[in-house]
Amino acid sequence: MLIQVGLILLMLVSIAYAAAVMRRIELDVVEYQRNLRAVEEDHHKLDVACNTLRSLCTQVEGEVAKIRADITELADNRAQLEAEIMALSEAPKQRLFMFDRATLGHGKLWEVTITNGGGGGGGAAPIPADAAVEWANGRTYIIPGTTDRDAKFRAEPKFPPTMGYRIMKIERFRRT
């Protein structure tokens, strides 16, 4: 009988132990499911973050490409402007001539453009080629006078038509 009681006790202990193991397995399953849900939520958050980052990268790549195109365009514009500056700095300057300095303070100033096509006699010395081109294009003189007629009247004795000079235009001096 003692053996039977021992066997019953052993069975009871085995059942209790099996119940404890089963309870522990159930708790482990619940914890596993909780952890799995947390991992799935984290995975979903990471997917959303990755998709957001991909769209931001695509947007930034577009902006970078646009900025690079703008930089290239600005560099081209700068090169063109530098070329224009170089061309303008190497171009001949329009010179202004004065011959009546004593009366410059009296009245208005006029720009009088005078040309000389080389015509006219008078046995004058031949004009060098570069000066002839300048005279053909016209020289601009600053002449004082109350009106444009007065400026023309002052210029005619210095540049007579008989020597081939011609007054092309007279306009008010407006340069700064």
N, C-alpha and C. Protein backbone atom coordinates (compact mmCIF):
# COMPACT_ATOMS: atom_id res chain seq x y z
N MET A 1 0.78 -1.13 0.00
CA MET A 1 0.00 0.00 0.00
C MET A 1 0.87 1.25 0.00
N LEU A 2 1.86 1.17 0.63
CA LEU A 2 2.80 2.26 0.67
C LEU A 2 3.30 2.56 -0.75
N ILE A 3 3.42 1.59 -1.49
CA ILE A 3 3.89 1.78 -2.85
C ILE A 3 2.77 2.45 -3.65
N GLN A 4 1.58 2.09 -3.40
CA GLN A 4 0.49 2.70 -4.14
C GLN A 4 0.34 4.16 -3.76
N VAL A 5 0.47 4.46 -2.48
CA VAL A 5 0.40 5.85 -2.02
C VAL A 5 1.57 6.62 -2.65
N GLY A 6 2.72 6.03 -2.70
CA GLY A 6 3.90 6.68 -3.29
C GLY A 6 3.67 6.93 -4.78
N LEU A 7 3.02 5.95 -5.43
CA LEU A 7 2.75 6.13 -6.86
C LEU A 7 1.71 7.23 -7.06
N ILE A 8 0.71 7.30 -6.20
CA ILE A 8 -0.30 8.34 -6.33
C ILE A 8 0.35 9.69 -6.10
N LEU A 9 1.19 9.77 -5.08
CA LEU A 9 1.89 11.02 -4.81
C LEU A 9 2.78 11.40 -5.99
N LEU A 10 3.41 10.44 -6.52
CA LEU A 10 4.28 10.70 -7.66
C LEU A 10 3.45 11.18 -8.84
N MET A 11 2.29 10.63 -9.04
CA MET A 11 1.43 11.06 -10.13
C MET A 11 0.90 12.46 -9.87
N LEU A 12 0.55 12.73 -8.63
CA LEU A 12 0.08 14.08 -8.30
C LEU A 12 1.19 15.11 -8.52
N VAL A 13 2.35 14.76 -8.10
CA VAL A 13 3.48 15.69 -8.29
C VAL A 13 3.74 15.84 -9.78
N SER A 14 3.64 14.79 -10.54
CA SER A 14 3.86 14.86 -11.99
C SER A 14 2.79 15.72 -12.64
N ILE A 15 1.53 15.57 -12.20
CA ILE A 15 0.44 16.38 -12.75
C ILE A 15 0.66 17.84 -12.39
N ALA A 16 1.06 18.12 -11.16
CA ALA A 16 1.30 19.50 -10.72
C ALA A 16 2.46 20.09 -11.51
N TYR A 17 3.48 19.28 -11.69
CA TYR A 17 4.63 19.76 -12.44
C TYR A 17 4.24 20.02 -13.90
N ALA A 18 3.46 19.13 -14.50
CA ALA A 18 3.00 19.29 -15.88
C ALA A 18 2.13 20.53 -15.99
N ALA A 19 1.26 20.78 -14.96
CA ALA A 19 0.41 21.96 -14.97
C ALA A 19 1.27 23.22 -14.89
N ALA A 20 2.30 23.21 -14.06
CA ALA A 20 3.20 24.36 -13.93
C ALA A 20 3.94 24.59 -15.25
N VAL A 21 4.37 23.53 -15.88
CA VAL A 21 5.07 23.66 -17.17
C VAL A 21 4.11 24.19 -18.21
N MET A 22 2.88 23.71 -18.20
CA MET A 22 1.88 24.18 -19.16
C MET A 22 1.58 25.66 -18.94
N ARG A 23 1.45 26.05 -17.68
CA ARG A 23 1.21 27.46 -17.36
C ARG A 23 2.37 28.32 -17.85
N ARG A 24 3.58 27.84 -17.64
CA ARG A 24 4.77 28.57 -18.08
C ARG A 24 4.79 28.67 -19.60
N ILE A 25 4.40 27.61 -20.28
CA ILE A 25 4.34 27.61 -21.76
C ILE A 25 3.32 28.62 -22.23
N GLU A 26 2.14 28.66 -21.56
CA GLU A 26 1.10 29.64 -21.94
C GLU A 26 1.61 31.07 -21.75
N LEU A 27 2.29 31.32 -20.63
CA LEU A 27 2.83 32.66 -20.38
C LEU A 27 3.90 33.01 -21.43
N ASP A 28 4.70 32.04 -21.80
CA ASP A 28 5.72 32.29 -22.83
C ASP A 28 5.07 32.58 -24.19
N VAL A 29 3.97 31.87 -24.49
CA VAL A 29 3.26 32.11 -25.75
C VAL A 29 2.68 33.52 -25.76
N VAL A 30 2.05 33.93 -24.65
CA VAL A 30 1.47 35.28 -24.55
C VAL A 30 2.59 36.33 -24.72
N GLU A 31 3.71 36.12 -24.00
CA GLU A 31 4.82 37.07 -24.10
C GLU A 31 5.38 37.10 -25.54
N TYR A 32 5.46 35.93 -26.16
CA TYR A 32 5.94 35.86 -27.54
C TYR A 32 5.01 36.63 -28.48
N GLN A 33 3.69 36.44 -28.30
CA GLN A 33 2.73 37.15 -29.14
C GLN A 33 2.81 38.66 -28.91
N ARG A 34 2.97 39.09 -27.65
CA ARG A 34 3.12 40.51 -27.34
C ARG A 34 4.38 41.06 -28.01
N ASN A 35 5.47 40.33 -27.90
CA ASN A 35 6.73 40.75 -28.52
C ASN A 35 6.62 40.78 -30.05
N LEU A 36 5.89 39.79 -30.59
CA LEU A 36 5.71 39.73 -32.04
C LEU A 36 4.91 40.94 -32.53
N ARG A 37 3.84 41.30 -31.77
CA ARG A 37 3.07 42.49 -32.13
C ARG A 37 3.93 43.75 -32.07
N ALA A 38 4.76 43.87 -31.04
CA ALA A 38 5.64 45.04 -30.90
C ALA A 38 6.65 45.09 -32.05
N VAL A 39 7.18 43.93 -32.42
CA VAL A 39 8.13 43.88 -33.54
C VAL A 39 7.43 44.25 -34.84
N GLU A 40 6.19 43.75 -35.03
CA GLU A 40 5.45 44.08 -36.24
C GLU A 40 5.14 45.58 -36.31
N GLU A 41 4.77 46.18 -35.17
CA GLU A 41 4.52 47.63 -35.12
C GLU A 41 5.81 48.41 -35.44
N ASP A 42 6.92 47.96 -34.84
CA ASP A 42 8.21 48.61 -35.12
C ASP A 42 8.58 48.45 -36.59
N HIS A 43 8.33 47.26 -37.14
CA HIS A 43 8.62 47.01 -38.55
C HIS A 43 7.76 47.93 -39.44
N HIS A 44 6.50 48.09 -39.09
CA HIS A 44 5.60 48.98 -39.84
C HIS A 44 6.10 50.43 -39.75
N LYS A 45 6.49 50.85 -38.54
CA LYS A 45 7.02 52.21 -38.37
C LYS A 45 8.28 52.41 -39.22
N LEU A 46 9.14 51.39 -39.23
CA LEU A 46 10.36 51.47 -40.04
C LEU A 46 10.03 51.53 -41.53
N ASP A 47 9.03 50.76 -41.98
CA ASP A 47 8.62 50.82 -43.38
C ASP A 47 8.11 52.22 -43.74
N VAL A 48 7.28 52.80 -42.85
CA VAL A 48 6.78 54.16 -43.10
C VAL A 48 7.93 55.15 -43.15
N ALA A 49 8.87 55.02 -42.20
CA ALA A 49 10.03 55.92 -42.17
C ALA A 49 10.88 55.76 -43.43
N CYS A 50 11.08 54.52 -43.86
CA CYS A 50 11.87 54.28 -45.08
C CYS A 50 11.18 54.87 -46.30
N ASN A 51 9.86 54.69 -46.40
CA ASN A 51 9.13 55.26 -47.53
C ASN A 51 9.20 56.79 -47.51
N THR A 52 9.07 57.38 -46.31
CA THR A 52 9.18 58.83 -46.19
C THR A 52 10.57 59.30 -46.61
N LEU A 53 11.59 58.59 -46.15
CA LEU A 53 12.96 58.94 -46.52
C LEU A 53 13.20 58.79 -48.02
N ARG A 54 12.63 57.75 -48.62
CA ARG A 54 12.77 57.57 -50.07
C ARG A 54 12.14 58.73 -50.83
N SER A 55 10.93 59.12 -50.39
CA SER A 55 10.27 60.24 -51.09
C SER A 55 11.04 61.54 -50.87
N LEU A 56 11.58 61.74 -49.66
CA LEU A 56 12.39 62.94 -49.40
C LEU A 56 13.67 62.92 -50.24
N CYS A 57 14.29 61.74 -50.35
CA CYS A 57 15.50 61.63 -51.17
C CYS A 57 15.20 61.95 -52.63
N THR A 58 14.08 61.44 -53.13
CA THR A 58 13.68 61.73 -54.50
C THR A 58 13.45 63.22 -54.69
N GLN A 59 12.75 63.83 -53.73
CA GLN A 59 12.49 65.27 -53.79
C GLN A 59 13.80 66.06 -53.74
N VAL A 60 14.69 65.67 -52.84
CA VAL A 60 15.97 66.38 -52.71
C VAL A 60 16.82 66.18 -53.96
N GLU A 61 16.80 64.99 -54.55
CA GLU A 61 17.54 64.77 -55.79
C GLU A 61 17.03 65.69 -56.89
N GLY A 62 15.71 65.86 -56.97
CA GLY A 62 15.13 66.78 -57.96
C GLY A 62 15.60 68.21 -57.70
N GLU A 63 15.57 68.62 -56.43
CA GLU A 63 16.01 69.97 -56.09
C GLU A 63 17.50 70.16 -56.38
N VAL A 64 18.30 69.14 -56.07
CA VAL A 64 19.74 69.22 -56.33
C VAL A 64 19.99 69.33 -57.83
N ALA A 65 19.26 68.55 -58.61
CA ALA A 65 19.41 68.62 -60.07
C ALA A 65 19.04 70.01 -60.58
N LYS A 66 17.95 70.57 -60.03
CA LYS A 66 17.53 71.92 -60.43
C LYS A 66 18.58 72.95 -60.03
N ILE A 67 19.11 72.82 -58.84
CA ILE A 67 20.13 73.76 -58.37
C ILE A 67 21.39 73.63 -59.22
N ARG A 68 21.77 72.41 -59.56
CA ARG A 68 22.94 72.22 -60.43
C ARG A 68 22.71 72.85 -61.79
N ALA A 69 21.50 72.70 -62.33
CA ALA A 69 21.18 73.34 -63.61
C ALA A 69 21.26 74.86 -63.47
N ASP A 70 20.73 75.39 -62.36
CA ASP A 70 20.81 76.83 -62.12
C ASP A 70 22.26 77.29 -62.01
N ILE A 71 23.08 76.51 -61.32
CA ILE A 71 24.50 76.86 -61.16
C ILE A 71 25.19 76.85 -62.53
N THR A 72 24.88 75.85 -63.33
CA THR A 72 25.46 75.78 -64.68
C THR A 72 25.02 76.99 -65.51
N GLU A 73 23.73 77.32 -65.42
CA GLU A 73 23.21 78.48 -66.16
C GLU A 73 23.87 79.77 -65.68
N LEU A 74 24.01 79.91 -64.35
CA LEU A 74 24.67 81.11 -63.81
C LEU A 74 26.13 81.17 -64.22
N ALA A 75 26.80 80.02 -64.26
CA ALA A 75 28.20 80.00 -64.69
C ALA A 75 28.31 80.41 -66.16
N ASP A 76 27.36 79.93 -66.98
CA ASP A 76 27.36 80.33 -68.39
C ASP A 76 27.09 81.82 -68.53
N ASN A 77 26.11 82.32 -67.77
CA ASN A 77 25.81 83.75 -67.80
C ASN A 77 27.01 84.57 -67.34
N ARG A 78 27.69 84.08 -66.30
CA ARG A 78 28.87 84.79 -65.81
C ARG A 78 29.96 84.82 -66.87
N ALA A 79 30.17 83.68 -67.53
CA ALA A 79 31.18 83.63 -68.59
C ALA A 79 30.82 84.60 -69.72
N GLN A 80 29.52 84.65 -70.08
CA GLN A 80 29.09 85.58 -71.12
C GLN A 80 29.31 87.02 -70.68
N LEU A 81 28.94 87.32 -69.43
CA LEU A 81 29.12 88.68 -68.93
C LEU A 81 30.60 89.06 -68.86
N GLU A 82 31.44 88.12 -68.44
CA GLU A 82 32.88 88.40 -68.40
C GLU A 82 33.41 88.64 -69.81
N ALA A 83 32.91 87.87 -70.77
CA ALA A 83 33.33 88.08 -72.17
C ALA A 83 32.88 89.45 -72.65
N GLU A 84 31.64 89.83 -72.30
CA GLU A 84 31.14 91.15 -72.68
C GLU A 84 31.96 92.26 -72.02
N ILE A 85 32.30 92.05 -70.75
CA ILE A 85 33.12 93.05 -70.04
C ILE A 85 34.47 93.17 -70.70
N MET A 86 35.08 92.03 -71.05
CA MET A 86 36.38 92.07 -71.73
C MET A 86 36.27 92.78 -73.08
N ALA A 87 35.19 92.47 -73.83
CA ALA A 87 35.01 93.10 -75.13
C ALA A 87 34.81 94.60 -74.97
N LEU A 88 34.01 94.98 -73.97
CA LEU A 88 33.77 96.40 -73.75
C LEU A 88 35.03 97.12 -73.25
N SER A 89 35.82 96.43 -72.42
CA SER A 89 37.03 97.08 -71.92
C SER A 89 38.08 97.21 -73.01
N GLU A 90 38.05 96.32 -74.00
CA GLU A 90 39.01 96.40 -75.09
C GLU A 90 38.52 97.28 -76.24
N ALA A 91 37.22 97.58 -76.24
CA ALA A 91 36.66 98.41 -77.31
C ALA A 91 37.18 99.84 -77.17
N PRO A 92 37.32 100.52 -78.29
CA PRO A 92 37.80 101.91 -78.20
C PRO A 92 36.75 102.78 -77.50
N LYS A 93 37.24 103.67 -76.69
CA LYS A 93 36.36 104.56 -75.94
C LYS A 93 36.00 105.78 -76.80
N GLN A 94 34.81 106.28 -76.61
CA GLN A 94 34.43 107.50 -77.30
C GLN A 94 35.04 108.66 -76.53
N ARG A 95 35.93 109.35 -77.19
CA ARG A 95 36.59 110.47 -76.54
C ARG A 95 35.79 111.74 -76.80
N LEU A 96 35.84 112.62 -75.83
CA LEU A 96 35.21 113.93 -75.94
C LEU A 96 36.32 114.97 -76.00
N PHE A 97 36.19 115.91 -76.92
CA PHE A 97 37.21 116.94 -77.11
C PHE A 97 36.65 118.29 -76.69
N MET A 98 37.53 119.16 -76.17
CA MET A 98 37.15 120.54 -75.81
C MET A 98 38.18 121.47 -76.43
N PHE A 99 37.73 122.64 -76.85
CA PHE A 99 38.70 123.59 -77.36
C PHE A 99 38.51 124.99 -76.79
N ASP A 100 37.48 125.21 -76.02
CA ASP A 100 37.22 126.55 -75.49
C ASP A 100 37.05 126.45 -73.99
N ARG A 101 38.11 126.13 -73.28
CA ARG A 101 38.01 125.91 -71.84
C ARG A 101 37.68 127.17 -71.07
N ALA A 102 38.09 128.30 -71.53
CA ALA A 102 37.88 129.55 -70.79
C ALA A 102 36.40 129.86 -70.64
N THR A 103 35.57 129.46 -71.59
CA THR A 103 34.15 129.80 -71.54
C THR A 103 33.27 128.62 -71.13
N LEU A 104 33.87 127.54 -70.62
CA LEU A 104 33.06 126.37 -70.25
C LEU A 104 32.07 126.68 -69.13
N GLY A 105 32.40 127.58 -68.27
CA GLY A 105 31.51 127.90 -67.16
C GLY A 105 30.33 128.76 -67.56
N HIS A 106 30.31 129.29 -68.76
CA HIS A 106 29.25 130.19 -69.20
C HIS A 106 28.21 129.43 -70.01
N GLY A 107 27.02 129.28 -69.50
CA GLY A 107 25.92 128.69 -70.25
C GLY A 107 25.91 127.17 -70.21
N LYS A 108 25.15 126.61 -71.13
CA LYS A 108 24.96 125.16 -71.22
C LYS A 108 26.08 124.55 -72.05
N LEU A 109 26.26 123.26 -71.87
CA LEU A 109 27.24 122.53 -72.67
C LEU A 109 26.50 121.70 -73.72
N TRP A 110 27.10 121.60 -74.90
CA TRP A 110 26.50 120.88 -76.02
C TRP A 110 27.51 119.88 -76.57
N GLU A 111 27.02 118.72 -76.96
CA GLU A 111 27.86 117.74 -77.67
C GLU A 111 27.66 117.99 -79.15
N VAL A 112 28.74 118.35 -79.83
CA VAL A 112 28.69 118.63 -81.26
C VAL A 112 29.53 117.56 -81.95
N THR A 113 28.88 116.77 -82.80
CA THR A 113 29.58 115.73 -83.53
C THR A 113 29.98 116.28 -84.90
N ILE A 114 31.30 116.20 -85.18
CA ILE A 114 31.85 116.78 -86.40
C ILE A 114 32.56 115.67 -87.16
N THR A 115 32.32 115.61 -88.47
CA THR A 115 33.00 114.62 -89.32
C THR A 115 33.85 115.35 -90.35
N ASN A 116 34.80 114.60 -90.89
CA ASN A 116 35.63 115.11 -91.97
C ASN A 116 35.91 113.92 -92.87
N GLY A 117 35.28 113.94 -94.03
CA GLY A 117 35.44 112.83 -94.96
C GLY A 117 36.73 112.91 -95.75
N GLY A 118 37.58 113.87 -95.45
CA GLY A 118 38.84 114.00 -96.17
C GLY A 118 38.72 114.89 -97.38
N GLY A 119 37.51 115.33 -97.66
CA GLY A 119 37.31 116.24 -98.79
C GLY A 119 37.80 117.63 -98.43
N GLY A 120 37.79 118.50 -99.34
CA GLY A 120 38.24 119.87 -99.08
C GLY A 120 39.70 120.00 -99.42
N GLY A 121 40.02 121.12 -99.94
CA GLY A 121 41.41 121.32 -100.36
C GLY A 121 42.16 122.05 -99.30
N GLY A 122 42.99 122.92 -99.72
CA GLY A 122 43.70 123.75 -98.79
C GLY A 122 45.10 123.29 -98.53
N GLY A 123 45.58 122.27 -99.17
CA GLY A 123 46.96 121.84 -99.02
C GLY A 123 47.30 121.42 -97.60
N ALA A 124 46.35 120.92 -96.89
CA ALA A 124 46.60 120.47 -95.52
C ALA A 124 47.44 119.20 -95.55
N ALA A 125 48.12 118.95 -94.45
CA ALA A 125 48.95 117.75 -94.34
C ALA A 125 48.05 116.52 -94.35
N PRO A 126 48.51 115.41 -94.93
CA PRO A 126 47.68 114.20 -94.96
C PRO A 126 47.41 113.70 -93.54
N ILE A 127 46.20 113.17 -93.33
CA ILE A 127 45.77 112.68 -92.02
C ILE A 127 46.15 111.20 -91.92
N PRO A 128 46.73 110.74 -90.77
CA PRO A 128 47.02 109.31 -90.60
C PRO A 128 45.75 108.48 -90.71
N ALA A 129 45.91 107.20 -91.05
CA ALA A 129 44.76 106.32 -91.33
C ALA A 129 43.84 106.19 -90.12
N ASP A 130 44.38 105.98 -88.91
CA ASP A 130 43.51 105.80 -87.74
C ASP A 130 42.76 107.09 -87.41
N ALA A 131 43.41 108.24 -87.60
CA ALA A 131 42.72 109.51 -87.37
C ALA A 131 41.67 109.75 -88.45
N ALA A 132 41.93 109.31 -89.66
CA ALA A 132 40.95 109.47 -90.74
C ALA A 132 39.69 108.67 -90.44
N VAL A 133 39.87 107.46 -89.91
CA VAL A 133 38.70 106.64 -89.54
C VAL A 133 37.93 107.33 -88.42
N GLU A 134 38.66 107.86 -87.43
CA GLU A 134 38.00 108.57 -86.33
C GLU A 134 37.22 109.76 -86.84
N TRP A 135 37.81 110.53 -87.74
CA TRP A 135 37.12 111.70 -88.30
C TRP A 135 35.93 111.27 -89.16
N ALA A 136 36.06 110.17 -89.88
CA ALA A 136 34.94 109.69 -90.71
C ALA A 136 33.77 109.26 -89.83
N ASN A 137 34.08 108.64 -88.67
CA ASN A 137 33.01 108.23 -87.75
C ASN A 137 32.46 109.42 -86.99
N GLY A 138 33.25 110.43 -86.84
CA GLY A 138 32.81 111.64 -86.15
C GLY A 138 33.47 111.79 -84.80
N ARG A 139 33.95 112.99 -84.55
CA ARG A 139 34.51 113.34 -83.25
C ARG A 139 33.47 114.15 -82.51
N THR A 140 33.41 113.97 -81.20
CA THR A 140 32.44 114.70 -80.39
C THR A 140 33.19 115.75 -79.58
N TYR A 141 32.78 116.99 -79.77
CA TYR A 141 33.37 118.11 -79.05
C TYR A 141 32.36 118.66 -78.06
N ILE A 142 32.85 119.09 -76.90
CA ILE A 142 32.02 119.76 -75.90
C ILE A 142 32.17 121.26 -76.13
N ILE A 143 31.08 121.91 -76.46
CA ILE A 143 31.11 123.34 -76.78
C ILE A 143 30.06 124.04 -75.93
N PRO A 144 30.45 125.15 -75.25
CA PRO A 144 29.47 125.91 -74.47
C PRO A 144 28.64 126.79 -75.38
N GLY A 145 27.41 127.02 -74.96
CA GLY A 145 26.52 127.91 -75.71
C GLY A 145 25.16 127.96 -75.05
N THR A 146 24.45 129.04 -75.27
CA THR A 146 23.13 129.16 -74.67
C THR A 146 22.10 128.32 -75.41
N THR A 147 22.28 128.18 -76.73
CA THR A 147 21.37 127.35 -77.53
C THR A 147 22.21 126.47 -78.44
N ASP A 148 21.53 125.55 -79.14
CA ASP A 148 22.26 124.71 -80.09
C ASP A 148 22.78 125.54 -81.26
N ARG A 149 22.08 126.56 -81.64
CA ARG A 149 22.55 127.45 -82.71
C ARG A 149 23.83 128.17 -82.29
N ASP A 150 23.85 128.60 -81.00
CA ASP A 150 25.04 129.28 -80.50
C ASP A 150 26.23 128.32 -80.50
N ALA A 151 26.02 127.07 -80.13
CA ALA A 151 27.10 126.09 -80.15
C ALA A 151 27.57 125.84 -81.58
N LYS A 152 26.64 125.77 -82.52
CA LYS A 152 27.00 125.60 -83.93
C LYS A 152 27.79 126.81 -84.42
N PHE A 153 27.37 127.99 -84.01
CA PHE A 153 28.05 129.23 -84.41
C PHE A 153 29.49 129.23 -83.88
N ARG A 154 29.70 128.71 -82.67
CA ARG A 154 31.05 128.66 -82.09
C ARG A 154 31.91 127.59 -82.75
N ALA A 155 31.29 126.50 -83.24
CA ALA A 155 32.06 125.41 -83.83
C ALA A 155 32.44 125.69 -85.28
N GLU A 156 31.63 126.40 -86.03
CA GLU A 156 31.88 126.61 -87.46
C GLU A 156 33.21 127.31 -87.75
N PRO A 157 33.65 128.32 -86.99
CA PRO A 157 34.95 128.92 -87.32
C PRO A 157 36.12 127.95 -87.12
N LYS A 158 36.01 127.05 -86.16
CA LYS A 158 37.10 126.09 -85.91
C LYS A 158 37.11 124.97 -86.96
N PHE A 159 35.94 124.61 -87.46
CA PHE A 159 35.82 123.50 -88.42
C PHE A 159 35.04 123.99 -89.65
N PRO A 160 35.68 124.69 -90.55
CA PRO A 160 34.98 125.25 -91.71
C PRO A 160 34.60 124.16 -92.72
N PRO A 161 33.44 124.28 -93.35
CA PRO A 161 33.01 123.31 -94.36
C PRO A 161 33.94 123.28 -95.57
N THR A 162 34.65 124.38 -95.82
CA THR A 162 35.57 124.41 -96.97
C THR A 162 36.74 123.46 -96.77
N MET A 163 37.03 123.08 -95.53
CA MET A 163 38.11 122.14 -95.24
C MET A 163 37.59 120.70 -95.16
N GLY A 164 36.33 120.49 -95.47
CA GLY A 164 35.77 119.14 -95.47
C GLY A 164 35.05 118.76 -94.18
N TYR A 165 34.98 119.66 -93.23
CA TYR A 165 34.30 119.38 -91.97
C TYR A 165 32.79 119.54 -92.14
N ARG A 166 32.07 118.71 -91.39
CA ARG A 166 30.61 118.79 -91.42
C ARG A 166 30.07 118.57 -90.01
N ILE A 167 29.18 119.42 -89.58
CA ILE A 167 28.54 119.26 -88.26
C ILE A 167 27.37 118.30 -88.45
N MET A 168 27.47 117.14 -87.80
CA MET A 168 26.47 116.09 -87.98
C MET A 168 25.28 116.25 -87.03
N LYS A 169 25.57 116.46 -85.75
CA LYS A 169 24.47 116.62 -84.80
C LYS A 169 24.92 117.45 -83.63
N ILE A 170 23.94 118.08 -83.03
CA ILE A 170 24.18 118.88 -81.83
C ILE A 170 23.12 118.46 -80.82
N GLU A 171 23.58 118.04 -79.65
CA GLU A 171 22.62 117.66 -78.60
C GLU A 171 23.15 118.10 -77.25
N ARG A 172 22.26 118.20 -76.33
CA ARG A 172 22.59 118.68 -74.99
C ARG A 172 23.52 117.69 -74.30
N PHE A 173 24.53 118.19 -73.61
CA PHE A 173 25.49 117.33 -72.88
C PHE A 173 24.80 116.79 -71.65
N ARG A 174 24.72 115.45 -71.53
CA ARG A 174 24.00 114.83 -70.41
C ARG A 174 24.83 113.80 -69.69
N ARG A 175 26.09 113.74 -69.90
CA ARG A 175 26.92 112.71 -69.26
C ARG A 175 27.27 113.13 -67.86
N THR A 176 27.51 112.09 -67.03
CA THR A 176 27.90 112.38 -65.64
C THR A 176 29.33 112.01 -65.41
